[in-house]
C-alpha atoms as a PDB file:
ATOM      1  CA  MET A   1      17.059  23.326  28.079  1.00  0.00           C
ATOM      2  CA  ASN A   2      13.918  22.852  25.838  1.00  0.00           C
ATOM      3  CA  ILE A   3      14.011  25.253  22.839  1.00  0.00           C
ATOM      4  CA  ARG A   4      10.293  25.179  22.242  1.00  0.00           C
ATOM      5  CA  HIS A   5       9.578  26.806  25.631  1.00  0.00           C
ATOM      6  CA  SER A   6      12.473  29.273  24.845  1.00  0.00           C
ATOM      7  CA  LEU A   7      10.352  30.900  21.960  1.00  0.00           C
ATOM      8  CA  PRO A   8       8.080  33.775  21.991  1.00  0.00           C
ATOM      9  CA  LEU A   9       4.459  32.849  22.418  1.00  0.00           C
ATOM     10  CA  PRO A  10       3.375  33.684  19.140  1.00  0.00           C
ATOM     11  CA  LEU A  11       5.950  31.003  17.208  1.00  0.00           C
ATOM     12  CA  ARG A  12       5.229  28.460  19.853  1.00  0.00           C
ATOM     13  CA  VAL A  13       1.155  28.985  18.734  1.00  0.00           C
ATOM     14  CA  ALA A  14       2.024  29.420  15.221  1.00  0.00           C
ATOM     15  CA  GLY A  15       3.207  25.586  14.482  1.00  0.00           C
ATOM     16  CA  PRO A  16       0.315  23.944  15.875  1.00  0.00           C
ATOM     17  CA  VAL A  17      -1.848  26.486  14.130  1.00  0.00           C
ATOM     18  CA  LEU A  18      -0.347  25.599  10.880  1.00  0.00           C
ATOM     19  CA  VAL A  19      -0.127  22.052  11.369  1.00  0.00           C
ATOM     20  CA  CYS A  20      -3.847  21.956  12.018  1.00  0.00           C
ATOM     21  CA  LEU A  21      -4.658  24.415   8.788  1.00  0.00           C
ATOM     22  CA  ILE A  22      -2.278  21.767   6.732  1.00  0.00           C
ATOM     23  CA  LEU A  23      -4.113  18.898   7.910  1.00  0.00           C
ATOM     24  CA  GLY A  24      -7.493  20.676   7.497  1.00  0.00           C
ATOM     25  CA  PHE A  25      -6.789  21.672   3.728  1.00  0.00           C
ATOM     26  CA  VAL A  26      -5.626  17.946   3.237  1.00  0.00           C
ATOM     27  CA  LEU A  27      -8.815  16.625   4.788  1.00  0.00           C
ATOM     28  CA  LEU A  28     -11.215  18.640   3.551  1.00  0.00           C
ATOM     29  CA  PRO A  29     -11.808  17.197   0.117  1.00  0.00           C
ATOM     30  CA  VAL A  30     -12.364  13.772   2.184  1.00  0.00           C
ATOM     31  CA  PHE A  31     -15.139  15.581   4.070  1.00  0.00           C
ATOM     32  CA  VAL A  32     -16.603  17.123   0.932  1.00  0.00           C
ATOM     33  CA  VAL A  33     -16.946  13.502  -0.508  1.00  0.00           C
ATOM     34  CA  THR A  34     -18.149  11.647   2.575  1.00  0.00           C
ATOM     35  CA  VAL A  35     -21.301  14.465   2.736  1.00  0.00           C
ATOM     36  CA  ALA A  36     -21.856  14.468  -0.893  1.00  0.00           C
ATOM     37  CA  ALA A  37     -21.861  10.288  -0.904  1.00  0.00           C
ATOM     38  CA  PHE A  38     -25.242  10.736   1.253  1.00  0.00           C
ATOM     39  CA  ASN A  39     -27.095  12.713  -1.187  1.00  0.00           C
ATOM     40  CA  ASP A  40     -30.347  11.312  -2.007  1.00  0.00           C
ATOM     41  CA  LYS A  41     -30.103  12.750  -5.824  1.00  0.00           C
ATOM     42  CA  ALA A  42     -28.444  11.109  -8.709  1.00  0.00           C
ATOM     43  CA  LEU A  43     -26.275  14.452  -9.091  1.00  0.00           C
ATOM     44  CA  LEU A  44     -23.329  15.388  -6.899  1.00  0.00           C
ATOM     45  CA  ALA A  45     -24.181  18.356  -4.896  1.00  0.00           C
ATOM     46  CA  PHE A  46     -22.527  19.752  -1.459  1.00  0.00           C
ATOM     47  CA  PRO A  47     -24.318  20.097   0.970  1.00  0.00           C
ATOM     48  CA  PRO A  48     -26.875  17.371  -0.090  1.00  0.00           C
ATOM     49  CA  GLU A  49     -30.468  18.702   0.166  1.00  0.00           C
ATOM     50  CA  THR A  50     -31.890  15.675   1.297  1.00  0.00           C
ATOM     51  CA  TRP A  51     -29.903  12.263   2.703  1.00  0.00           C
ATOM     52  CA  SER A  52     -29.914   8.603   1.922  1.00  0.00           C
ATOM     53  CA  TRP A  53     -27.908   5.510   1.952  1.00  0.00           C
ATOM     54  CA  ARG A  54     -29.107   4.568  -1.426  1.00  0.00           C
ATOM     55  CA  TRP A  55     -25.614   4.678  -3.185  1.00  0.00           C
ATOM     56  CA  PHE A  56     -23.711   2.629  -0.786  1.00  0.00           C
ATOM     57  CA  GLY A  57     -26.123   0.038  -1.962  1.00  0.00           C
ATOM     58  CA  ARG A  58     -25.395   0.381  -5.527  1.00  0.00           C
ATOM     59  CA  VAL A  59     -21.627   0.236  -4.618  1.00  0.00           C
ATOM     60  CA  PHE A  60     -22.028  -3.352  -3.464  1.00  0.00           C
ATOM     61  CA  THR A  61     -24.543  -4.334  -6.398  1.00  0.00           C
ATOM     62  CA  TYR A  62     -23.304  -2.480  -9.523  1.00  0.00           C
ATOM     63  CA  PRO A  63     -21.796  -5.814 -11.637  1.00  0.00           C
ATOM     64  CA  ASP A  64     -18.692  -4.202 -12.629  1.00  0.00           C
ATOM     65  CA  PHE A  65     -17.508  -3.159  -9.033  1.00  0.00           C
ATOM     66  CA  GLN A  66     -18.245  -6.809  -8.086  1.00  0.00           C
ATOM     67  CA  HIS A  67     -16.175  -8.053 -10.540  1.00  0.00           C
ATOM     68  CA  GLY A  68     -13.615  -5.692 -10.352  1.00  0.00           C
ATOM     69  CA  PHE A  69     -13.433  -6.197  -6.389  1.00  0.00           C
ATOM     70  CA  ARG A  70     -12.908 -10.131  -7.350  1.00  0.00           C
ATOM     71  CA  ALA A  71     -10.145  -9.240  -9.659  1.00  0.00           C
ATOM     72  CA  SER A  72      -8.565  -7.057  -7.199  1.00  0.00           C
ATOM     73  CA  MET A  73      -8.587  -9.463  -4.797  1.00  0.00           C
ATOM     74  CA  ILE A  74      -7.104 -12.079  -6.819  1.00  0.00           C
ATOM     75  CA  VAL A  75      -4.159  -9.608  -7.873  1.00  0.00           C
ATOM     76  CA  THR A  76      -3.662  -8.359  -4.318  1.00  0.00           C
ATOM     77  CA  ALA A  77      -3.350 -12.156  -2.843  1.00  0.00           C
ATOM     78  CA  TRP A  78      -1.129 -13.111  -5.232  1.00  0.00           C
ATOM     79  CA  ALA A  79       0.975  -9.882  -5.613  1.00  0.00           C
ATOM     80  CA  SER A  80       1.679  -9.206  -2.037  1.00  0.00           C
ATOM     81  CA  LEU A  81       2.654 -13.040  -1.143  1.00  0.00           C
ATOM     82  CA  LEU A  82       5.120 -12.860  -4.224  1.00  0.00           C
ATOM     83  CA  ALA A  83       6.364  -9.553  -3.105  1.00  0.00           C
ATOM     84  CA  LEU A  84       6.559 -10.689   0.587  1.00  0.00           C
ATOM     85  CA  VAL A  85       8.604 -13.760  -0.268  1.00  0.00           C
ATOM     86  CA  ILE A  86      10.822 -12.089  -2.951  1.00  0.00           C
ATOM     87  CA  GLY A  87      11.276  -8.640  -0.897  1.00  0.00           C
ATOM     88  CA  THR A  88      12.003 -10.951   2.343  1.00  0.00           C
ATOM     89  CA  CYS A  89      14.621 -13.068   0.248  1.00  0.00           C
ATOM     90  CA  LEU A  90      16.316  -9.614  -1.261  1.00  0.00           C
ATOM     91  CA  ALA A  91      16.229  -7.852   2.110  1.00  0.00           C
ATOM     92  CA  ILE A  92      18.091 -10.501   4.059  1.00  0.00           C
ATOM     93  CA  ALA A  93      20.982 -10.735   0.846  1.00  0.00           C
ATOM     94  CA  VAL A  94      21.257  -7.011   1.164  1.00  0.00           C
ATOM     95  CA  LYS A  95      21.549  -6.940   4.786  1.00  0.00           C
ATOM     96  CA  ARG A  96      23.616 -10.124   5.147  1.00  0.00           C
ATOM     97  CA  LEU A  97      25.913 -10.414   2.230  1.00  0.00           C
ATOM     98  CA  GLU A  98      28.320  -8.053   0.276  1.00  0.00           C
ATOM     99  CA  PHE A  99      28.790  -8.544  -3.022  1.00  0.00           C
ATOM    100  CA  HIS A 100      29.571  -6.095  -6.426  1.00  0.00           C
ATOM    101  CA  GLY A 101      26.753  -4.159  -7.484  1.00  0.00           C
ATOM    102  CA  LYS A 102      24.827  -4.245  -4.181  1.00  0.00           C
ATOM    103  CA  ALA A 103      24.090  -0.401  -4.455  1.00  0.00           C
ATOM    104  CA  THR A 104      23.212  -0.895  -8.082  1.00  0.00           C
ATOM    105  CA  LEU A 105      20.772  -3.580  -7.136  1.00  0.00           C
ATOM    106  CA  GLN A 106      19.098  -1.421  -4.340  1.00  0.00           C
ATOM    107  CA  ALA A 107      18.950   1.197  -6.543  1.00  0.00           C
ATOM    108  CA  ILE A 108      16.930  -0.770  -8.797  1.00  0.00           C
ATOM    109  CA  LEU A 109      14.697  -2.421  -6.650  1.00  0.00           C
ATOM    110  CA  LEU A 110      13.497   0.838  -5.085  1.00  0.00           C
ATOM    111  CA  SER A 111      13.176   2.468  -8.293  1.00  0.00           C
ATOM    112  CA  PRO A 112       9.758   2.170  -8.422  1.00  0.00           C
ATOM    113  CA  LEU A 113       9.328   4.654  -5.582  1.00  0.00           C
ATOM    114  CA  VAL A 114      10.380   7.341  -7.968  1.00  0.00           C
ATOM    115  CA  ILE A 115       9.617   6.174 -11.223  1.00  0.00           C
ATOM    116  CA  PRO A 116       6.117   7.208 -12.601  1.00  0.00           C
ATOM    117  CA  HIS A 117       3.726   3.979 -12.351  1.00  0.00           C
ATOM    118  CA  PHE A 118       2.269   4.424 -15.996  1.00  0.00           C
ATOM    119  CA  THR A 119       5.707   4.168 -17.098  1.00  0.00           C
ATOM    120  CA  LEU A 120       5.799   0.578 -15.840  1.00  0.00           C
ATOM    121  CA  GLY A 121       2.481  -0.124 -16.839  1.00  0.00           C
ATOM    122  CA  LEU A 122       3.075   1.254 -20.500  1.00  0.00           C
ATOM    123  CA  GLY A 123       6.362  -0.686 -20.536  1.00  0.00           C
ATOM    124  CA  LEU A 124       4.900  -3.841 -19.698  1.00  0.00           C
ATOM    125  CA  LEU A 125       2.026  -3.422 -22.388  1.00  0.00           C
ATOM    126  CA  ILE A 126       4.570  -2.660 -24.783  1.00  0.00           C
ATOM    127  CA  LEU A 127       6.625  -5.743 -24.104  1.00  0.00           C
ATOM    128  CA  ALA A 128       3.567  -7.857 -24.212  1.00  0.00           C
ATOM    129  CA  ALA A 129       2.572  -6.789 -27.262  1.00  0.00           C
ATOM    130  CA  GLN A 130       6.357  -7.127 -28.833  1.00  0.00           C
ATOM    131  CA  PHE A 131       6.599 -10.976 -27.147  1.00  0.00           C
ATOM    132  CA  LYS A 132       2.615 -11.665 -28.094  1.00  0.00           C
ATOM    133  CA  VAL A 133       2.159 -12.400 -24.319  1.00  0.00           C
ATOM    134  CA  GLN A 134      -1.711 -12.659 -23.100  1.00  0.00           C
ATOM    135  CA  ARG A 135      -2.567  -9.789 -20.917  1.00  0.00           C
ATOM    136  CA  GLY A 136      -3.885 -12.157 -18.400  1.00  0.00           C
ATOM    137  CA  TYR A 137      -3.649 -11.942 -14.465  1.00  0.00           C
ATOM    138  CA  ALA A 138       0.121 -13.011 -14.628  1.00  0.00           C
ATOM    139  CA  ILE A 139       1.001  -9.556 -16.088  1.00  0.00           C
ATOM    140  CA  VAL A 140      -0.867  -7.506 -13.876  1.00  0.00           C
ATOM    141  CA  ILE A 141       0.176  -9.602 -11.027  1.00  0.00           C
ATOM    142  CA  LEU A 142       3.939  -9.033 -12.123  1.00  0.00           C
ATOM    143  CA  CYS A 143       3.441  -5.154 -12.350  1.00  0.00           C
ATOM    144  CA  HIS A 144       2.057  -5.107  -9.059  1.00  0.00           C
ATOM    145  CA  VAL A 145       4.726  -7.132  -7.455  1.00  0.00           C
ATOM    146  CA  MET A 146       7.513  -4.972  -8.972  1.00  0.00           C
ATOM    147  CA  LEU A 147       5.424  -1.752  -7.584  1.00  0.00           C
ATOM    148  CA  VAL A 148       5.019  -2.928  -4.038  1.00  0.00           C
ATOM    149  CA  LEU A 149       8.239  -4.666  -3.729  1.00  0.00           C
ATOM    150  CA  PRO A 150      10.114  -1.919  -2.484  1.00  0.00           C
ATOM    151  CA  PHE A 151       7.832  -1.502   0.433  1.00  0.00           C
ATOM    152  CA  VAL A 152       8.065  -5.242   1.423  1.00  0.00           C
ATOM    153  CA  MET A 153      12.030  -4.762   1.439  1.00  0.00           C
ATOM    154  CA  ARG A 154      11.715  -1.505   3.476  1.00  0.00           C
ATOM    155  CA  SER A 155       9.581  -3.105   6.263  1.00  0.00           C
ATOM    156  CA  VAL A 156      11.774  -6.172   6.695  1.00  0.00           C
ATOM    157  CA  TYR A 157      15.024  -4.591   6.599  1.00  0.00           C
ATOM    158  CA  VAL A 158      14.181  -2.175   9.180  1.00  0.00           C
ATOM    159  CA  SER A 159      13.262  -5.286  11.254  1.00  0.00           C
ATOM    160  CA  MET A 160      16.707  -6.823  10.381  1.00  0.00           C
ATOM    161  CA  GLU A 161      18.075  -3.713  11.637  1.00  0.00           C
ATOM    162  CA  ASN A 162      16.680  -4.387  15.304  1.00  0.00           C
ATOM    163  CA  LEU A 163      17.395  -7.949  14.818  1.00  0.00           C
ATOM    164  CA  ASP A 164      19.852  -9.544  17.453  1.00  0.00           C
ATOM    165  CA  GLU A 165      22.051 -11.983  15.621  1.00  0.00           C
ATOM    166  CA  ARG A 166      23.369 -13.442  18.974  1.00  0.00           C
ATOM    167  CA  LEU A 167      20.029 -15.474  19.202  1.00  0.00           C
ATOM    168  CA  GLU A 168      20.368 -16.933  15.885  1.00  0.00           C
ATOM    169  CA  GLN A 169      24.221 -17.698  16.493  1.00  0.00           C
ATOM    170  CA  ALA A 170      22.994 -19.218  20.099  1.00  0.00           C
ATOM    171  CA  ALA A 171      20.461 -21.474  17.915  1.00  0.00           C
ATOM    172  CA  ALA A 172      22.980 -22.636  15.738  1.00  0.00           C
ATOM    173  CA  SER A 173      25.669 -23.528  18.533  1.00  0.00           C
ATOM    174  CA  LEU A 174      22.872 -25.611  19.973  1.00  0.00           C
ATOM    175  CA  GLY A 175      22.913 -27.872  16.884  1.00  0.00           C
ATOM    176  CA  ALA A 176      19.832 -26.556  14.991  1.00  0.00           C
ATOM    177  CA  SER A 177      20.366 -26.112  11.177  1.00  0.00           C
ATOM    178  CA  PRO A 178      19.983 -23.138   9.106  1.00  0.00           C
ATOM    179  CA  LEU A 179      16.545 -23.940   8.012  1.00  0.00           C
ATOM    180  CA  LYS A 180      15.560 -24.520  11.613  1.00  0.00           C
ATOM    181  CA  VAL A 181      16.946 -21.266  12.803  1.00  0.00           C
ATOM    182  CA  LEU A 182      15.336 -19.184  10.083  1.00  0.00           C
ATOM    183  CA  PHE A 183      11.967 -20.959  10.534  1.00  0.00           C
ATOM    184  CA  THR A 184      12.181 -20.953  14.574  1.00  0.00           C
ATOM    185  CA  VAL A 185      14.164 -17.903  15.279  1.00  0.00           C
ATOM    186  CA  THR A 186      14.599 -15.437  12.234  1.00  0.00           C
ATOM    187  CA  VAL A 187      11.308 -15.454  11.249  1.00  0.00           C
ATOM    188  CA  PRO A 188       9.253 -14.961  14.410  1.00  0.00           C
ATOM    189  CA  LEU A 189      11.396 -12.079  15.148  1.00  0.00           C
ATOM    190  CA  LEU A 190      10.922 -10.608  11.781  1.00  0.00           C
ATOM    191  CA  ALA A 191       7.036 -11.323  11.938  1.00  0.00           C
ATOM    192  CA  PRO A 192       6.039  -7.186  12.912  1.00  0.00           C
ATOM    193  CA  GLY A 193       7.994  -6.382   9.767  1.00  0.00           C
ATOM    194  CA  LEU A 194       6.661  -9.052   7.648  1.00  0.00           C
ATOM    195  CA  PHE A 195       2.872  -8.221   8.495  1.00  0.00           C
ATOM    196  CA  GLY A 196       3.680  -4.901   7.982  1.00  0.00           C
ATOM    197  CA  GLY A 197       5.249  -5.228   4.752  1.00  0.00           C
ATOM    198  CA  TRP A 198       2.818  -7.491   3.558  1.00  0.00           C
ATOM    199  CA  LEU A 199      -0.030  -5.043   4.538  1.00  0.00           C
ATOM    200  CA  PHE A 200       1.375  -2.062   2.751  1.00  0.00           C
ATOM    201  CA  ALA A 201       1.954  -4.308  -0.174  1.00  0.00           C
ATOM    202  CA  ALA A 202      -1.887  -5.476   0.064  1.00  0.00           C
ATOM    203  CA  ILE A 203      -2.904  -1.993   0.339  1.00  0.00           C
ATOM    204  CA  MET A 204      -0.881  -0.312  -2.486  1.00  0.00           C
ATOM    205  CA  SER A 205      -1.835  -3.386  -4.679  1.00  0.00           C
ATOM    206  CA  PHE A 206      -5.436  -2.823  -4.156  1.00  0.00           C
ATOM    207  CA  ASN A 207      -5.544   0.764  -4.842  1.00  0.00           C
ATOM    208  CA  GLU A 208      -3.204   0.672  -7.712  1.00  0.00           C
ATOM    209  CA  PHE A 209      -4.682   2.358 -10.973  1.00  0.00           C
ATOM    210  CA  THR A 210      -2.033   4.158 -13.105  1.00  0.00           C
ATOM    211  CA  ALA A 211      -0.396   1.053 -14.189  1.00  0.00           C
ATOM    212  CA  SER A 212      -3.124  -1.298 -14.112  1.00  0.00           C
ATOM    213  CA  LEU A 213      -5.055   1.042 -16.787  1.00  0.00           C
ATOM    214  CA  PHE A 214      -2.329   0.134 -19.294  1.00  0.00           C
ATOM    215  CA  ILE A 215      -2.188  -3.738 -18.826  1.00  0.00           C
ATOM    216  CA  THR A 216      -5.684  -4.960 -17.552  1.00  0.00           C
ATOM    217  CA  THR A 217      -8.458  -5.949 -19.929  1.00  0.00           C
ATOM    218  CA  GLN A 218     -12.077  -6.399 -19.292  1.00  0.00           C
ATOM    219  CA  ARG A 219     -11.683 -10.149 -17.889  1.00  0.00           C
ATOM    220  CA  THR A 220      -8.756  -8.650 -15.525  1.00  0.00           C
ATOM    221  CA  GLN A 221     -10.065  -5.480 -14.777  1.00  0.00           C
ATOM    222  CA  THR A 222      -9.548  -4.299 -11.145  1.00  0.00           C
ATOM    223  CA  LEU A 223     -11.520  -2.264  -8.969  1.00  0.00           C
ATOM    224  CA  PRO A 224      -9.773   0.996  -9.342  1.00  0.00           C
ATOM    225  CA  VAL A 225     -10.027   0.496 -13.002  1.00  0.00           C
ATOM    226  CA  SER A 226     -13.653  -0.149 -12.769  1.00  0.00           C
ATOM    227  CA  MET A 227     -14.349   3.068 -11.147  1.00  0.00           C
ATOM    228  CA  TYR A 228     -12.360   4.842 -13.403  1.00  0.00           C
ATOM    229  CA  ASN A 229     -14.718   3.583 -16.374  1.00  0.00           C
ATOM    230  CA  TYR A 230     -17.871   4.407 -14.022  1.00  0.00           C
ATOM    231  CA  VAL A 231     -16.959   8.032 -13.675  1.00  0.00           C
ATOM    232  CA  ARG A 232     -16.690   8.258 -17.787  1.00  0.00           C
ATOM    233  CA  GLU A 233     -20.449   7.336 -18.007  1.00  0.00           C
ATOM    234  CA  PHE A 234     -22.319   8.386 -14.790  1.00  0.00           C
ATOM    235  CA  ALA A 235     -21.929  11.333 -12.839  1.00  0.00           C
ATOM    236  CA  ASP A 236     -23.938  10.162  -9.380  1.00  0.00           C
ATOM    237  CA  PRO A 237     -22.707   9.836  -5.903  1.00  0.00           C
ATOM    238  CA  THR A 238     -21.750   5.978  -6.294  1.00  0.00           C
ATOM    239  CA  LEU A 239     -17.933   6.728  -6.757  1.00  0.00           C
ATOM    240  CA  ALA A 240     -18.192   8.935  -3.241  1.00  0.00           C
ATOM    241  CA  ALA A 241     -19.793   6.503  -1.651  1.00  0.00           C
ATOM    242  CA  LEU A 242     -17.257   4.003  -2.978  1.00  0.00           C
ATOM    243  CA  SER A 243     -14.557   6.106  -1.727  1.00  0.00           C
ATOM    244  CA  VAL A 244     -15.833   6.331   1.942  1.00  0.00           C
ATOM    245  CA  VAL A 245     -15.636   2.530   2.011  1.00  0.00           C
ATOM    246  CA  TYR A 246     -12.020   2.764   0.631  1.00  0.00           C
ATOM    247  CA  ILE A 247     -11.028   5.405   3.046  1.00  0.00           C
ATOM    248  CA  ALA A 248     -12.826   3.350   6.025  1.00  0.00           C
ATOM    249  CA  VAL A 249     -11.405  -0.090   5.312  1.00  0.00           C
ATOM    250  CA  THR A 250      -7.682   1.633   4.678  1.00  0.00           C
ATOM    251  CA  ALA A 251      -8.030   3.543   7.490  1.00  0.00           C
ATOM    252  CA  SER A 252      -9.192   0.626   9.820  1.00  0.00           C
ATOM    253  CA  LEU A 253      -6.045  -1.638   8.612  1.00  0.00           C
ATOM    254  CA  LEU A 254      -3.792   1.151   9.137  1.00  0.00           C
ATOM    255  CA  ALA A 255      -5.067   1.697  12.573  1.00  0.00           C
ATOM    256  CA  PHE A 256      -5.030  -2.202  13.298  1.00  0.00           C
ATOM    257  CA  ALA A 257      -1.408  -2.550  12.172  1.00  0.00           C
ATOM    258  CA  ASN A 258      -0.209   0.643  14.235  1.00  0.00           C
ATOM    259  CA  TYR A 259      -1.967  -0.651  17.534  1.00  0.00           C
ATOM    260  CA  PHE A 260      -0.488  -3.860  17.309  1.00  0.00           C
ATOM    261  CA  LEU A 261       2.676  -3.384  15.346  1.00  0.00           C
ATOM    262  CA  GLY A 262       3.514   0.342  15.801  1.00  0.00           C
ATOM    263  CA  LEU A 263       4.013   1.628  12.378  1.00  0.00           C
ATOM    264  CA  GLY A 264       6.877   4.113  13.647  1.00  0.00           C
ATOM    265  CA  LYS A 265       9.087   1.335  14.602  1.00  0.00           C
ATOM    266  CA  VAL A 266       8.227  -0.643  11.137  1.00  0.00           C
ATOM    267  CA  LEU A 267       8.980   2.493   9.177  1.00  0.00           C
ATOM    268  CA  ASN A 268      12.102   3.358  11.348  1.00  0.00           C
ATOM    269  CA  ILE A 269      10.663   6.835  12.026  1.00  0.00           C
ATOM    270  CA  GLU A 270      11.033   6.352  15.662  1.00  0.00           C
ATOM    271  CA  GLU A 271      13.469   4.255  17.811  1.00  0.00           C
ATOM    272  CA  SER A 272      12.726   0.478  18.890  1.00  0.00           C
ATOM    273  CA  ARG A 273      12.734   0.340  22.979  1.00  0.00           C
END
């Protein structure tokens, strides 16, 4: 018997209405920022009196944003790639091996999910100063790898839960070496989880601000840090326009991943069939 149909009509209607109200409350700032981005005047105003695309042009021509975008791409590319390799190896080890301290290791690796990011950024800043390490790209990439590693591990681990080990055993019984089994059987079967983990790592790394604020310099300043510095000096709708670009690109990537991979399965919020 369907429990929902047994409820009184007001209760059945109240649930969807409440969900819609919550979604509206969450999306209201996005709507306001999107509309404000098309304001022709150099002041944030809602609703705009006149409409213009001028601030979107400034987004792509402002030098600090261009430099920040290049720095973010460098950091994101390396951080997501390293996190993918390290996270995959750790997920396989945690899934397949039994060793002392396994639970502790998992807790440590997943700790960035609950520890405030500024704590990690400040800690790396103190360590870099203590050991007189130059704050170059290496420090920023290391920080981002630590922050996005849990997402890669989670994605790969879920894919491994759905992996039929008998396929690997069959390949090994036919004479395939462990390395050949890994690259011809295991990795192709884990491809959705690997891509999903990499995608989440890339999005999280590109949007990371809190920790980056402590460890970046003028040379390694990422785009979110450039946006923070911009808003300290200007109050025009440029950041609103840039936020719209951020939202559109991120939403497109997630929609792409959901269409081809099924994020529900990757994140283990729905059963694989």
